[in-house]
Amino acid sequence: MLRAHRLAPAVATVVLAAAALATAGTAHAAPTAPAHARAALDATCSQAYLPLPDPSCTPGATNPDVTQDTIDSTICVGGYSTSIRPSTSYTNRLKVQQIAQYGYADTNTADYEEDHFIPLSLGGHPTDPHNLWPEPHYATGSSGQGSTDKDAVEYKLYRAVCNHQVDLVPAQQAIVTDWTTALSVLGLG
């Protein structure tokens, strides 16, 4: 089922294409918007949530193979995340697409990490686009935090889950709700 926020850009594209065909015989050319304006028009995901992703575009997705009962044979085994990490050819292609969807003015892919919103180390789905997003390396939002700050939170949550201080699902929920407060919500910092 298509969501309304995903359907609207498709409808707009069809309407604009039809309008272009209808006026194709006219002698004047349609004005072209500057590149930064086109990016803003093409954006389907909001930057208003930064340093969090737009929850309608990146709600997070979990790996069905990882449950509380399987953590000692999955995420808590050394090398687990590396063994299921998607290829860079997949994530780089997705990063370019999602940078456009988020309407970032800076389109340099080196300035973003194609981040697993629910990290692999906490049972995040490795390839589902709902769990991947172009997280800026630079500080964003009112908290002024960036990707390295989230990485530190992820590691502390991973250690707490594998040390059986926190259950898996509450750790996943805390990071999806607001990774900047996840540690304090769970009494870890």
Protein backbone atom coordinates (compact mmCIF):
# COMPACT_ATOMS: atom_id res chain seq x y z
CA MET A 1 0.00 0.00 0.00
CA LEU A 2 1.40 3.41 -0.94
CA ARG A 3 1.63 5.99 1.77
CA ALA A 4 0.21 9.44 1.03
CA HIS A 5 3.58 11.18 1.48
CA ARG A 6 5.13 8.84 -1.12
CA LEU A 7 2.18 9.10 -3.49
CA ALA A 8 2.10 12.90 -3.65
CA PRO A 9 5.51 13.30 -5.41
CA ALA A 10 4.52 10.63 -7.94
CA VAL A 11 1.22 12.38 -8.69
CA ALA A 12 3.02 15.71 -9.00
CA THR A 13 5.49 14.17 -11.46
CA VAL A 14 2.66 12.78 -13.61
CA VAL A 15 0.84 16.13 -13.58
CA LEU A 16 4.00 18.03 -14.49
CA ALA A 17 4.82 15.56 -17.27
CA ALA A 18 1.30 15.91 -18.68
CA ALA A 19 1.59 19.70 -18.56
CA ALA A 20 4.92 19.53 -20.38
CA LEU A 21 3.41 17.37 -23.12
CA ALA A 22 0.43 19.69 -23.46
CA THR A 23 2.69 22.70 -23.99
CA ALA A 24 5.34 20.94 -26.07
CA GLY A 25 4.23 22.66 -29.25
CA THR A 26 4.69 26.20 -27.89
CA ALA A 27 7.66 28.31 -28.96
CA HIS A 28 8.86 29.35 -25.48
CA ALA A 29 10.97 27.20 -23.17
CA ALA A 30 9.97 26.65 -19.58
CA PRO A 31 12.30 28.30 -17.07
CA THR A 32 14.66 25.94 -15.28
CA ALA A 33 14.88 26.20 -11.50
CA PRO A 34 18.36 26.51 -9.99
CA ALA A 35 19.85 23.18 -8.81
CA HIS A 36 19.36 23.98 -5.09
CA ALA A 37 15.70 24.87 -5.69
CA ARG A 38 15.17 21.65 -7.66
CA ALA A 39 16.68 19.65 -4.78
CA ALA A 40 14.25 21.27 -2.36
CA LEU A 41 11.34 20.49 -4.69
CA ASP A 42 12.49 16.88 -5.11
CA ALA A 43 12.93 16.33 -1.36
CA THR A 44 10.44 13.90 0.10
CA CYS A 45 12.09 13.57 3.52
CA SER A 46 12.37 16.38 6.05
CA GLN A 47 15.57 17.64 7.65
CA ALA A 48 13.51 19.12 10.50
CA TYR A 49 14.22 16.11 12.73
CA LEU A 50 18.02 16.31 12.55
CA PRO A 51 20.09 14.85 14.13
CA LEU A 52 17.41 12.15 13.80
CA PRO A 53 16.13 10.92 10.45
CA ASP A 54 12.63 11.76 9.23
CA PRO A 55 10.50 9.02 10.84
CA SER A 56 8.21 8.76 7.82
CA CYS A 57 11.20 7.98 5.57
CA THR A 58 13.45 6.16 8.01
CA PRO A 59 11.38 4.57 10.77
CA GLY A 60 13.94 1.83 11.38
CA ALA A 61 13.61 -1.88 10.66
CA THR A 62 14.77 -4.89 12.63
CA ASN A 63 16.41 -8.10 11.55
CA PRO A 64 13.96 -10.97 12.26
CA ASP A 65 16.91 -13.27 13.01
CA VAL A 66 17.86 -11.20 16.06
CA THR A 67 15.69 -11.55 19.15
CA GLN A 68 16.34 -11.44 22.86
CA ASP A 69 16.68 -15.24 22.75
CA THR A 70 19.28 -15.17 19.96
CA ILE A 71 21.53 -12.26 21.00
CA ASP A 72 24.23 -14.56 22.40
CA SER A 73 24.50 -16.34 19.03
CA THR A 74 24.04 -13.28 16.80
CA ILE A 75 24.85 -9.69 17.76
CA CYS A 76 27.00 -10.58 20.77
CA VAL A 77 29.35 -12.77 18.70
CA GLY A 78 32.50 -11.01 17.53
CA GLY A 79 32.36 -10.12 13.83
CA TYR A 80 28.57 -10.44 13.58
CA SER A 81 27.95 -6.93 12.21
CA THR A 82 30.74 -7.30 9.66
CA SER A 83 29.30 -10.62 8.49
CA ILE A 84 25.90 -9.09 7.57
CA ARG A 85 26.94 -5.56 6.55
CA PRO A 86 25.72 -4.76 3.01
CA SER A 87 28.21 -4.00 0.26
CA THR A 88 29.36 -0.42 -0.26
CA SER A 89 28.08 -0.59 -3.83
CA TYR A 90 24.58 -1.05 -2.37
CA THR A 91 24.90 1.57 0.38
CA ASN A 92 26.64 4.16 -1.83
CA ARG A 93 23.90 3.91 -4.46
CA LEU A 94 21.25 4.24 -1.74
CA LYS A 95 23.13 7.16 -0.14
CA VAL A 96 23.05 9.19 -3.36
CA GLN A 97 19.32 8.52 -3.75
CA GLN A 98 18.54 9.38 -0.13
CA ILE A 99 20.66 12.56 -0.10
CA ALA A 100 18.33 13.79 -2.85
CA GLN A 101 15.25 12.59 -0.95
CA TYR A 102 16.37 14.53 2.13
CA GLY A 103 17.06 17.59 -0.03
CA TYR A 104 20.51 18.18 1.42
CA ALA A 105 22.19 21.20 -0.19
CA ASP A 106 25.55 19.50 0.37
CA THR A 107 25.51 16.50 -1.98
CA ASN A 108 29.10 15.39 -1.31
CA THR A 109 28.65 11.75 -0.30
CA ALA A 110 31.82 11.88 1.81
CA ASP A 111 29.99 14.23 4.21
CA TYR A 112 27.46 11.51 5.11
CA GLU A 113 27.44 8.06 6.62
CA GLU A 114 24.84 5.69 5.19
CA ASP A 115 23.78 4.81 8.71
CA HIS A 116 21.71 1.95 10.03
CA PHE A 117 19.17 3.81 12.20
CA ILE A 118 18.80 0.70 14.34
CA PRO A 119 22.43 -0.42 14.25
CA LEU A 120 23.39 -3.90 13.12
CA SER A 121 24.86 -4.40 16.59
CA LEU A 122 21.36 -3.94 18.05
CA GLY A 123 19.56 -6.15 15.55
CA GLY A 124 18.88 -3.59 12.85
CA HIS A 125 17.99 -4.83 9.38
CA PRO A 126 21.10 -4.73 7.19
CA THR A 127 19.56 -3.80 3.82
CA ASP A 128 16.03 -2.45 4.36
CA PRO A 129 16.02 1.20 3.12
CA HIS A 130 13.67 2.01 6.04
CA ASN A 131 16.65 1.35 8.32
CA LEU A 132 19.27 3.25 6.30
CA TRP A 133 19.68 6.99 5.86
CA PRO A 134 22.37 9.54 4.93
CA GLU A 135 23.40 10.74 8.39
CA PRO A 136 25.53 13.92 8.26
CA HIS A 137 29.03 13.65 9.70
CA TYR A 138 28.77 17.30 10.72
CA ALA A 139 26.83 18.58 13.75
CA THR A 140 23.13 19.11 13.11
CA GLY A 141 19.95 20.10 14.89
CA SER A 142 19.63 21.88 18.20
CA SER A 143 21.78 19.27 19.97
CA GLY A 144 24.70 19.93 17.63
CA GLN A 145 25.45 16.20 17.39
CA GLY A 146 26.63 14.20 14.41
CA SER A 147 27.33 10.65 13.32
CA THR A 148 30.27 10.03 15.65
CA ASP A 149 28.08 10.94 18.63
CA LYS A 150 25.49 8.37 17.54
CA ASP A 151 28.21 5.76 17.08
CA ALA A 152 29.25 6.20 20.73
CA VAL A 153 25.64 5.76 21.90
CA GLU A 154 25.25 2.65 19.74
CA TYR A 155 28.35 1.06 21.25
CA LYS A 156 27.23 1.72 24.84
CA LEU A 157 23.79 0.27 24.09
CA TYR A 158 25.37 -2.76 22.42
CA ARG A 159 27.57 -3.41 25.47
CA ALA A 160 24.58 -3.03 27.81
CA VAL A 161 22.48 -5.49 25.76
CA CYS A 162 25.28 -8.06 25.51
CA ASN A 163 26.03 -7.71 29.22
CA HIS A 164 22.31 -8.33 29.88
CA GLN A 165 21.88 -4.95 31.58
CA VAL A 166 19.19 -3.91 29.08
CA ASP A 167 16.90 -6.05 26.93
CA LEU A 168 17.13 -5.79 23.15
CA VAL A 169 13.70 -4.33 22.34
CA PRO A 170 13.89 -1.44 24.85
CA ALA A 171 17.35 -0.58 23.46
CA GLN A 172 15.97 -0.60 19.91
CA GLN A 173 12.98 1.51 20.94
CA ALA A 174 15.17 4.02 22.77
CA ILE A 175 17.46 4.55 19.80
CA VAL A 176 14.52 4.94 17.38
CA THR A 177 12.64 7.30 19.69
CA ASP A 178 15.63 9.61 20.14
CA TRP A 179 19.18 8.31 20.08
CA THR A 180 20.39 11.53 21.76
CA THR A 181 18.48 10.58 24.94
CA ALA A 182 18.57 6.77 24.65
CA LEU A 183 21.27 6.24 27.29
CA SER A 184 19.59 8.41 29.90
CA VAL A 185 16.14 6.91 29.18
CA LEU A 186 17.57 3.46 29.85
CA GLY A 187 19.49 4.59 32.94
CA LEU A 188 22.88 4.15 31.29
CA GLY A 189 24.20 7.64 31.36
